[in-house]
Protein backbone atom coordinates (compact mmCIF):
# COMPACT_ATOMS: atom_id res chain seq x y z
CA UNK A 1 -44.80 -25.28 21.23
CA UNK A 2 -43.42 -24.95 17.26
CA UNK A 3 -43.30 -21.15 18.24
CA UNK A 4 -41.37 -21.90 21.06
CA UNK A 5 -38.75 -23.87 18.99
CA UNK A 6 -38.92 -21.64 16.24
CA UNK A 7 -37.91 -18.66 18.62
CA UNK A 8 -35.37 -20.59 20.29
CA UNK A 9 -33.61 -21.22 16.63
CA UNK A 10 -34.11 -17.30 15.33
CA UNK A 11 -31.87 -16.45 18.94
CA UNK A 12 -29.47 -19.00 18.43
CA UNK A 13 -28.59 -18.31 14.40
CA UNK A 14 -28.32 -14.64 15.97
CA UNK A 15 -25.79 -15.82 17.89
CA UNK A 16 -23.92 -18.00 15.68
CA UNK A 17 -24.25 -15.58 13.32
CA UNK A 18 -22.79 -12.46 15.91
CA UNK A 19 -19.95 -14.88 16.96
CA UNK A 20 -18.73 -15.71 12.64
CA UNK A 21 -17.64 -12.38 11.98
CA UNK A 22 -17.51 -10.37 14.66
CA UNK A 23 -19.26 -6.76 15.85
CA UNK A 24 -19.61 -3.44 13.79
CA UNK A 25 -20.79 -0.22 14.96
CA UNK A 26 -21.42 3.09 13.79
CA UNK A 27 -21.73 6.38 15.31
CA UNK A 28 -21.35 9.82 14.02
CA UNK A 29 -18.35 12.36 14.80
CA UNK A 30 -17.47 16.44 14.42
CA UNK A 31 -19.12 15.25 11.09
CA UNK A 32 -18.06 12.35 10.02
CA UNK A 33 -18.84 8.21 10.40
CA UNK A 34 -16.57 6.91 12.83
CA UNK A 35 -16.69 3.29 12.93
CA UNK A 36 -15.32 0.23 15.00
CA UNK A 37 -14.65 -3.48 13.10
CA UNK A 38 -14.21 -6.54 15.65
CA UNK A 39 -13.01 -9.44 13.61
CA UNK A 40 -13.82 -12.92 15.78
CA UNK A 41 -13.87 -16.19 13.59
CA UNK A 42 -14.25 -13.78 10.39
CA UNK A 43 -15.24 -16.26 7.30
CA UNK A 44 -12.14 -17.76 4.86
CA UNK A 45 -12.36 -18.12 0.82
CA UNK A 46 -9.41 -19.27 -0.34
CA UNK A 47 -7.07 -17.77 -3.28
CA UNK A 48 -6.03 -20.83 -6.53
CA UNK A 49 -2.69 -19.81 -8.17
CA UNK A 50 -3.64 -19.60 -11.72
CA UNK A 51 0.26 -19.43 -13.21
CA UNK A 52 3.78 -17.34 -11.61
CA UNK A 53 6.41 -15.70 -13.74
CA UNK A 54 10.09 -14.93 -12.76
CA UNK A 55 11.64 -12.60 -14.20
CA UNK A 56 15.41 -13.01 -14.99
CA UNK A 57 18.39 -9.85 -15.08
CA UNK A 58 15.66 -7.61 -14.56
CA UNK A 59 14.91 -5.92 -10.48
CA UNK A 60 11.64 -3.98 -10.32
CA UNK A 61 11.22 -1.69 -7.35
CA UNK A 62 7.99 0.50 -6.28
CA UNK A 63 5.92 -0.83 -9.62
CA UNK A 64 2.27 0.62 -10.28
CA UNK A 65 -0.66 -0.91 -11.74
CA UNK A 66 -2.86 -0.08 -14.49
CA UNK A 67 -5.56 -1.99 -15.59
CA UNK A 68 -4.05 -3.81 -18.65
CA UNK A 69 0.28 -2.91 -17.61
CA UNK A 70 2.72 -2.74 -15.16
CA UNK A 71 5.24 0.20 -15.11
CA UNK A 72 8.06 0.36 -12.81
CA UNK A 73 12.06 1.04 -12.43
CA UNK A 74 14.14 -1.11 -12.33
CA UNK A 75 17.61 -2.24 -12.08
CA UNK A 76 19.22 -4.76 -15.25
CA UNK A 77 22.17 -7.23 -14.60
CA UNK A 78 24.76 -4.33 -14.19
CA UNK A 79 22.83 -2.46 -12.21
CA UNK A 80 21.73 0.29 -14.56
CA UNK A 81 17.78 2.12 -13.87
CA UNK A 82 15.73 1.74 -16.33
CA UNK A 83 12.31 3.13 -16.53
CA UNK A 84 9.82 0.04 -18.39
CA UNK A 85 6.37 -1.11 -19.72
CA UNK A 86 5.92 -4.43 -18.86
CA UNK A 87 2.13 -5.80 -19.98
CA UNK A 88 0.49 -8.62 -17.21
CA UNK A 89 3.01 -10.99 -18.46
CA UNK A 90 5.58 -9.33 -17.51
CA UNK A 91 6.27 -9.03 -21.25
CA UNK A 92 8.98 -5.41 -21.33
CA UNK A 93 6.50 -3.48 -24.42
CA UNK A 94 9.28 -0.34 -23.55
CA UNK A 95 11.69 0.90 -21.97
CA UNK A 96 14.21 3.72 -21.20
CA UNK A 97 17.44 4.61 -19.15
CA UNK A 98 16.82 6.34 -16.11
CA UNK A 99 18.53 9.59 -16.56
CA UNK A 100 20.13 11.50 -13.27
CA UNK A 101 20.24 15.02 -13.32
CA UNK A 102 18.15 17.99 -12.83
CA UNK A 103 17.52 19.04 -16.53
CA UNK A 104 13.54 17.85 -18.19
CA UNK A 105 12.95 14.58 -17.54
CA UNK A 106 15.79 13.63 -15.74
CA UNK A 107 15.36 12.58 -12.06
CA UNK A 108 17.76 13.12 -9.04
CA UNK A 109 16.15 10.80 -6.85
CA UNK A 110 12.92 8.45 -8.29
CA UNK A 111 10.10 8.51 -5.51
CA UNK A 112 7.48 6.85 -7.22
CA UNK A 113 6.14 5.90 -10.86
CA UNK A 114 2.52 6.15 -12.18
CA UNK A 115 0.13 5.90 -14.96
CA UNK A 116 -2.84 7.94 -16.67
CA UNK A 117 -3.85 7.92 -19.92
CA UNK A 118 -1.28 7.04 -21.60
CA UNK A 119 1.46 9.66 -19.50
CA UNK A 120 3.79 8.18 -17.24
CA UNK A 121 4.32 9.91 -14.42
CA UNK A 122 7.19 9.67 -12.17
CA UNK A 123 7.49 11.33 -8.61
CA UNK A 124 11.08 13.14 -7.95
CA UNK A 125 11.73 14.19 -4.11
CA UNK A 126 15.10 16.34 -4.66
CA UNK A 127 13.62 18.39 -7.33
CA UNK A 128 9.76 18.09 -5.94
CA UNK A 129 8.63 17.89 -9.34
CA UNK A 130 6.36 15.17 -11.33
CA UNK A 131 8.42 14.01 -14.97
CA UNK A 132 5.78 13.12 -16.96
CA UNK A 133 6.92 11.06 -20.54
CA UNK A 134 4.33 9.50 -22.92
CA UNK A 135 3.56 5.41 -23.00
CA UNK A 136 7.46 5.71 -25.80
CA UNK A 137 8.81 6.89 -22.13
CA UNK A 138 9.38 9.97 -24.22
CA UNK A 139 9.94 13.45 -22.39
CA UNK A 140 6.70 15.25 -22.24
CA UNK A 141 6.63 18.20 -18.91
CA UNK A 142 7.37 18.50 -15.48
CA UNK A 143 5.25 19.92 -12.86
CA UNK A 144 6.72 21.50 -10.08
CA UNK A 145 5.73 21.08 -6.00
CA UNK A 146 8.29 23.47 -5.02
CA UNK A 147 5.87 25.49 -3.47
CA UNK A 148 3.57 23.03 -2.77
CA UNK A 149 5.33 21.11 0.31
CA UNK A 150 8.58 21.27 2.03
CA UNK A 151 9.93 17.71 1.29
CA UNK A 152 9.48 14.49 0.33
CA UNK A 153 9.72 11.43 1.55
CA UNK A 154 12.98 9.50 0.18
CA UNK A 155 11.47 6.38 -0.69
CA UNK A 156 9.28 4.66 -1.17
CA UNK A 157 6.72 7.27 -1.62
CA UNK A 158 2.75 6.52 -2.58
CA UNK A 159 1.03 7.81 -5.52
CA UNK A 160 -2.54 7.03 -7.32
CA UNK A 161 -4.15 9.07 -10.52
CA UNK A 162 -7.05 9.77 -11.92
CA UNK A 163 -9.38 12.66 -13.19
CA UNK A 164 -8.58 14.31 -10.48
CA UNK A 165 -5.71 14.61 -10.47
CA UNK A 166 -2.08 13.32 -8.06
CA UNK A 167 -3.07 11.34 -4.93
CA UNK A 168 0.48 11.28 -2.90
CA UNK A 169 2.44 10.41 0.58
CA UNK A 170 3.79 11.61 2.47
CA UNK A 171 5.11 15.02 2.13
CA UNK A 172 6.22 17.04 4.98
CA UNK A 173 3.76 19.21 6.48
CA UNK A 174 1.47 16.91 4.45
CA UNK A 175 -0.17 12.72 4.83
CA UNK A 176 -1.72 13.37 1.55
CA UNK A 177 -1.94 16.16 -1.32
CA UNK A 178 -4.17 16.01 -4.34
CA UNK A 179 -2.75 18.01 -7.10
CA UNK A 180 -3.89 19.45 -10.25
CA UNK A 181 -2.62 18.33 -13.50
CA UNK A 182 -0.61 22.10 -13.89
CA UNK A 183 0.85 20.58 -10.27
CA UNK A 184 -1.61 23.39 -8.28
CA UNK A 185 -2.65 22.26 -4.86
CA UNK A 186 -6.26 20.72 -4.80
CA UNK A 187 -6.75 19.72 -1.19
CA UNK A 188 -4.37 18.67 1.36
CA UNK A 189 -4.41 16.01 4.95
CA UNK A 190 -2.12 17.45 7.65
CA UNK A 191 -0.66 15.08 9.99
CA UNK A 192 -2.21 15.45 13.78
CA UNK A 193 1.47 15.01 14.37
CA UNK A 194 4.05 17.47 14.12
CA UNK A 195 6.17 16.30 11.81
CA UNK A 196 7.99 20.10 10.72
CA UNK A 197 9.46 19.54 13.86
CA UNK A 198 10.65 15.59 13.55
CA UNK A 199 11.41 15.66 10.09
CA UNK A 200 13.07 12.00 10.46
CA UNK A 201 9.44 10.70 11.63
CA UNK A 202 7.58 11.40 8.28
CA UNK A 203 7.57 7.51 7.91
CA UNK A 204 5.74 6.58 10.39
CA UNK A 205 3.37 9.69 10.71
CA UNK A 206 2.70 10.73 7.51
CA UNK A 207 3.33 7.40 5.52
CA UNK A 208 0.02 6.67 4.06
CA UNK A 209 -0.57 3.40 1.68
CA UNK A 210 -3.98 4.76 -0.78
CA UNK A 211 -6.41 4.17 -3.60
CA UNK A 212 -8.30 6.18 -5.28
CA UNK A 213 -10.91 5.02 -6.51
CA UNK A 214 -14.18 6.17 -8.42
CA UNK A 215 -14.58 9.90 -6.51
CA UNK A 216 -13.11 8.75 -3.08
CA UNK A 217 -9.74 7.88 -1.69
CA UNK A 218 -9.03 5.45 1.03
CA UNK A 219 -6.30 5.43 3.33
CA UNK A 220 -4.72 3.61 5.83
CA UNK A 221 -1.38 3.70 6.99
CA UNK A 222 0.62 0.38 7.61
CA UNK A 223 3.20 1.90 10.83
CA UNK A 224 1.68 3.59 13.50
CA UNK A 225 1.92 1.09 16.01
CA UNK A 226 -1.29 2.32 17.46
CA UNK A 227 -4.17 1.58 15.46
CA UNK A 228 -5.45 -0.95 12.47
CA UNK A 229 -7.77 1.33 10.50
CA UNK A 230 -8.86 2.68 7.11
CA UNK A 231 -10.10 6.59 5.74
CA UNK A 232 -12.76 6.92 3.37
CA UNK A 233 -12.18 10.85 1.66
CA UNK A 234 -13.80 12.43 -1.46
CA UNK A 235 -11.99 13.05 -4.36
CA UNK A 236 -11.57 17.04 -2.36
CA UNK A 237 -10.07 14.93 0.63
CA UNK A 238 -12.81 15.58 2.85
CA UNK A 239 -13.27 13.06 5.58
CA UNK A 240 -16.15 10.45 5.03
CA UNK A 241 -15.69 7.37 7.99
CA UNK A 242 -12.72 6.53 9.70
CA UNK A 243 -12.63 2.62 10.62
CA UNK A 244 -11.29 1.52 13.61
CA UNK A 245 -10.49 -2.53 13.33
CA UNK A 246 -9.74 -4.97 15.58
CA UNK A 247 -8.66 -8.79 15.29
CA UNK A 248 -5.98 -10.92 16.71
CA UNK A 249 -2.89 -9.89 14.93
CA UNK A 250 -3.44 -6.61 16.99
CA UNK A 251 0.13 -7.00 18.93
CA UNK A 252 1.31 -9.01 16.12
CA UNK A 253 1.12 -6.99 12.97
CA UNK A 254 2.41 -3.52 13.87
CA UNK A 255 5.74 -1.74 14.71
CA UNK A 256 7.20 0.29 17.34
CA UNK A 257 10.35 1.94 17.91
CA UNK A 258 14.25 2.34 18.89
CA UNK A 259 16.72 4.75 19.65
CA UNK A 260 19.51 4.10 18.37
CA UNK A 261 22.99 5.11 20.44
CA UNK A 262 23.46 8.04 17.05
CA UNK A 263 19.78 8.95 18.31
CA UNK A 264 18.15 8.34 15.87
CA UNK A 265 13.95 7.07 15.65
CA UNK A 266 14.58 3.52 13.74
CA UNK A 267 11.28 0.84 13.29
CA UNK A 268 10.83 -2.51 14.68
CA UNK A 269 8.39 -5.10 13.84
CA UNK A 270 5.88 -5.16 11.18
CA UNK A 271 3.78 -3.65 9.29
CA UNK A 272 -0.13 -3.58 9.91
CA UNK A 273 -1.21 -3.78 6.21
CA UNK A 274 1.41 -4.12 2.96
CA UNK A 275 -1.56 -2.32 0.49
CA UNK A 276 -5.13 -1.61 -0.21
CA UNK A 277 -7.28 -2.29 -3.32
CA UNK A 278 -10.84 -0.89 -2.97
CA UNK A 279 -11.82 -3.33 -6.47
CA UNK A 280 -16.32 -3.75 -7.28
CA UNK A 281 -17.19 -1.62 -4.34
CA UNK A 282 -15.09 -3.47 -2.37
CA UNK A 283 -11.78 -2.49 0.32
CA UNK A 284 -8.87 -5.42 0.37
CA UNK A 285 -6.32 -4.86 2.90
CA UNK A 286 -2.58 -7.17 1.87
CA UNK A 287 -1.49 -8.02 5.44
CA UNK A 288 0.41 -10.81 7.31
CA UNK A 289 3.87 -9.78 4.40
CA UNK A 290 6.64 -7.56 4.37
CA UNK A 291 8.95 -9.65 6.89
CA UNK A 292 9.73 -8.49 11.14
CA UNK A 293 12.51 -6.13 11.72
CA UNK A 294 14.43 -6.62 13.58
CA UNK A 295 17.58 -5.36 15.61
CA UNK A 296 20.51 -6.88 17.23
CA UNK A 297 21.63 -5.73 21.20
CA UNK A 298 23.29 -2.39 20.11
CA UNK A 299 20.73 -1.66 18.08
CA UNK A 300 23.44 -0.79 15.31
CA UNK A 301 21.79 -3.53 12.31
CA UNK A 302 19.04 -4.86 11.58
CA UNK A 303 17.43 -8.04 9.49
CA UNK A 304 13.97 -9.29 8.29
CA UNK A 305 12.39 -12.43 9.85
CA UNK A 306 9.45 -14.42 8.94
CA UNK A 307 6.85 -13.22 10.68
CA UNK A 308 6.09 -14.50 13.52
CA UNK A 309 2.43 -16.20 14.49
CA UNK A 310 1.28 -15.87 10.89
CA UNK A 311 1.73 -18.42 8.20
CA UNK A 312 0.71 -16.62 4.93
CA UNK A 313 -0.51 -13.50 3.33
CA UNK A 314 -3.85 -12.81 3.84
CA UNK A 315 -6.47 -9.99 2.84
CA UNK A 316 -8.98 -8.40 4.89
CA UNK A 317 -12.02 -7.41 2.72
CA UNK A 318 -14.58 -4.51 3.48
CA UNK A 319 -17.39 -2.68 2.19
CA UNK A 320 -16.65 0.68 0.47
CA UNK A 321 -20.03 2.33 1.07
CA UNK A 322 -20.10 1.53 4.95
CA UNK A 323 -16.92 0.24 5.89
CA UNK A 324 -18.53 -2.83 7.62
CA UNK A 325 -16.02 -6.15 7.59
CA UNK A 326 -16.93 -8.87 5.18
CA UNK A 327 -14.64 -11.50 4.56
CA UNK A 328 -10.82 -12.92 5.02
CA UNK A 329 -8.69 -14.60 2.04
CA UNK A 330 -5.92 -16.62 2.60
CA UNK A 331 -3.22 -17.55 0.62
CA UNK A 332 -0.63 -21.15 0.64
CA UNK A 333 1.96 -18.87 -1.58
CA UNK A 334 2.36 -15.52 0.11
CA UNK A 335 5.71 -15.32 1.91
CA UNK A 336 5.92 -13.48 5.21
CA UNK A 337 9.17 -12.33 5.19
CA UNK A 338 8.81 -10.75 1.67
CA UNK A 339 7.04 -7.82 0.08
CA UNK A 340 4.70 -7.60 -2.39
CA UNK A 341 2.44 -4.50 -4.42
CA UNK A 342 -0.87 -6.55 -5.95
CA UNK A 343 -3.51 -5.26 -7.84
CA UNK A 344 -7.31 -7.14 -9.19
CA UNK A 345 -8.29 -5.90 -11.81
CA UNK A 346 -11.02 -8.73 -14.53
CA UNK A 347 -10.98 -10.29 -11.44
CA UNK A 348 -7.92 -12.18 -11.26
CA UNK A 349 -5.05 -11.09 -8.63
CA UNK A 350 -1.35 -9.79 -9.21
CA UNK A 351 1.26 -9.76 -6.03
CA UNK A 352 4.60 -8.77 -7.47
CA UNK A 353 7.45 -10.42 -5.22
CA UNK A 354 10.05 -7.50 -4.69
CA UNK A 355 14.04 -8.81 -4.21
CA UNK A 356 15.07 -10.34 -1.46
CA UNK A 357 18.67 -11.08 -0.81
CA UNK A 358 19.62 -13.58 1.35
CA UNK A 359 22.96 -13.75 3.19
CA UNK A 360 26.19 -13.43 0.45
CA UNK A 361 23.27 -11.35 -2.02
CA UNK A 362 21.70 -14.36 -3.71
CA UNK A 363 18.29 -13.72 -3.79
CA UNK A 364 15.60 -15.76 -2.45
CA UNK A 365 13.60 -18.42 -4.92
CA UNK A 366 9.86 -16.60 -3.96
CA UNK A 367 11.25 -12.69 -4.83
CA UNK A 368 10.74 -11.12 -8.61
CA UNK A 369 8.08 -12.90 -9.36
CA UNK A 370 4.65 -12.27 -10.45
CA UNK A 371 1.48 -14.37 -9.27
CA UNK A 372 -1.84 -14.71 -10.97
CA UNK A 373 -4.14 -15.94 -8.49
CA UNK A 374 -8.36 -16.24 -8.49
CA UNK A 375 -10.89 -16.84 -5.89
CA UNK A 376 -11.83 -20.63 -5.46
């Protein structure tokens, strides 16, 4: 009798465990692992806000978080463009005007900014270059990409930098490129879409979010309409595994496309993912923010609304080794209408809310704020 009760107890425990976490499977395909996660009734954790700070008269765009600093472009109150180095309490440490031009250290069209070993790198899409500055924002060098790509996206672009060089997205014809510090192309990921013949689709087809962690690169696609996906590559961009994820937001967090009267194709809907970070061997994907892009009946104008069916932004967490889904982190302070850049360091979560304009060019009270939080 006791044996029978024990067996029933074990069976019930297995059923409960399977129902709470979801299903995880792995297959081998053409030299890489193909993973599926079906998320059902996920374990939830909660973030607790520690502090927040609203910037005045400085409006950041394309911020890049390092361990102790934030390097970024920003507008001042006169709408001048600047380059700034902030600490993680949003105190300005260094700044200089962003000088427009074609010469060394000048920028025609800024697309991304990053920092590595006290060198600051700015991607210029028109010059197809990286302009390099020292920690005092003095010009140091230029790395050209003219022989690597035929075009870059107008903005924003995705960049990460580590000991293996630059990882950058998107370009034509590549979704991701890895450049050595001298500008030599080391590795590339070519899109499975023919973006060369459809350059206007570079954002939807080639743009990805990425994070270089140790000797791996983790990639996810925010705007591809069909799949919620993570890919893990080695430092030379050889695919290690592909992870397809299914959850209750499959038909809520997705982009589709409309055709305007001028024949151009434009996105509508909301992003699948808004940012990706890898920290202490876990992958963190920020979701449910960035707003829902809604077009008028004539497809001539759009506006951003809160995402229907999502209360607040949240973070999905996966194991960076095997791709298995672990848990979901809920928040009560991430507005679904606002786009956030986020980072994790010293067990703290940092969220910068990008500037969001209301009618009449008034700035939403929840934007241009840095919020710091910890797990409860």
